[in-house]
Amino acid sequence: MFGGPPPPPSAEEKARASAAANRTLNSFIIGAVTLYVAPWLLAPAFERFYK
């Protein structure tokens, strides 16, 4: 509308955005797996100390 579309992203900007997206996805996957496995990892400790 005012001056046309923005310039296309450079190769460096695309690489930086891709790296950020990969870090975000990896963090999400690691967090999800950690939350999924946490009950089995913590159960022996709770059984030992709270019997």
C-alpha atoms as a PDB file:
ATOM      1  CA  MET A   1       0.000   0.000   0.000  1.00  0.00           C
ATOM      2  CA  PHE A   2       2.729   2.467   0.993  1.00  0.00           C
ATOM      3  CA  GLY A   3       5.829   1.822  -1.084  1.00  0.00           C
ATOM      4  CA  GLY A   4       5.240  -1.756  -2.151  1.00  0.00           C
ATOM      5  CA  PRO A   5       6.243  -5.066  -0.572  1.00  0.00           C
ATOM      6  CA  PRO A   6       9.328  -5.421   1.604  1.00  0.00           C
ATOM      7  CA  PRO A   7      12.504  -6.764   0.030  1.00  0.00           C
ATOM      8  CA  PRO A   8      12.903 -10.551   0.056  1.00  0.00           C
ATOM      9  CA  PRO A   9      14.965 -11.970   2.925  1.00  0.00           C
ATOM     10  CA  SER A  10      18.636 -12.576   2.261  1.00  0.00           C
ATOM     11  CA  ALA A  11      20.200 -16.033   2.436  1.00  0.00           C
ATOM     12  CA  GLU A  12      21.684 -15.160   5.842  1.00  0.00           C
ATOM     13  CA  GLU A  13      18.277 -14.112   7.200  1.00  0.00           C
ATOM     14  CA  LYS A  14      16.702 -17.325   5.871  1.00  0.00           C
ATOM     15  CA  ALA A  15      19.447 -19.420   7.480  1.00  0.00           C
ATOM     16  CA  ARG A  16      19.057 -17.569  10.793  1.00  0.00           C
ATOM     17  CA  ALA A  17      15.273 -18.043  10.748  1.00  0.00           C
ATOM     18  CA  SER A  18      15.650 -21.722   9.905  1.00  0.00           C
ATOM     19  CA  ALA A  19      18.130 -22.226  12.759  1.00  0.00           C
ATOM     20  CA  ALA A  20      15.778 -20.473  15.186  1.00  0.00           C
ATOM     21  CA  ALA A  21      12.875 -22.649  14.048  1.00  0.00           C
ATOM     22  CA  ASN A  22      14.956 -25.802  14.486  1.00  0.00           C
ATOM     23  CA  ARG A  23      16.007 -24.749  18.001  1.00  0.00           C
ATOM     24  CA  THR A  24      12.390 -24.059  18.911  1.00  0.00           C
ATOM     25  CA  LEU A  25      11.217 -27.413  17.585  1.00  0.00           C
ATOM     26  CA  ASN A  26      14.033 -29.294  19.332  1.00  0.00           C
ATOM     27  CA  SER A  27      13.266 -27.527  22.617  1.00  0.00           C
ATOM     28  CA  PHE A  28       9.594 -28.434  22.317  1.00  0.00           C
ATOM     29  CA  ILE A  29      10.359 -32.094  21.567  1.00  0.00           C
ATOM     30  CA  ILE A  30      12.835 -32.373  24.453  1.00  0.00           C
ATOM     31  CA  GLY A  31      10.351 -30.722  26.816  1.00  0.00           C
ATOM     32  CA  ALA A  32       7.490 -32.961  25.711  1.00  0.00           C
ATOM     33  CA  VAL A  33       9.565 -36.126  26.110  1.00  0.00           C
ATOM     34  CA  THR A  34      10.810 -34.966  29.520  1.00  0.00           C
ATOM     35  CA  LEU A  35       7.268 -34.317  30.745  1.00  0.00           C
ATOM     36  CA  TYR A  36       6.087 -37.654  29.360  1.00  0.00           C
ATOM     37  CA  VAL A  37       8.865 -39.669  31.058  1.00  0.00           C
ATOM     38  CA  ALA A  38       8.976 -37.695  34.334  1.00  0.00           C
ATOM     39  CA  PRO A  39       6.434 -39.824  36.240  1.00  0.00           C
ATOM     40  CA  TRP A  40       8.412 -43.011  35.615  1.00  0.00           C
ATOM     41  CA  LEU A  41      11.691 -41.339  36.498  1.00  0.00           C
ATOM     42  CA  LEU A  42      10.390 -39.757  39.706  1.00  0.00           C
ATOM     43  CA  ALA A  43       8.206 -42.627  40.958  1.00  0.00           C
ATOM     44  CA  PRO A  44      11.077 -44.640  42.507  1.00  0.00           C
ATOM     45  CA  ALA A  45      12.290 -41.584  44.435  1.00  0.00           C
ATOM     46  CA  PHE A  46       8.816 -40.831  45.786  1.00  0.00           C
ATOM     47  CA  GLU A  47       8.278 -44.482  46.745  1.00  0.00           C
ATOM     48  CA  ARG A  48      11.616 -44.584  48.553  1.00  0.00           C
ATOM     49  CA  PHE A  49      11.254 -41.360  50.535  1.00  0.00           C
ATOM     50  CA  TYR A  50       7.509 -41.272  51.146  1.00  0.00           C
ATOM     51  CA  LYS A  51       6.706 -44.819  52.225  1.00  0.00           C
END
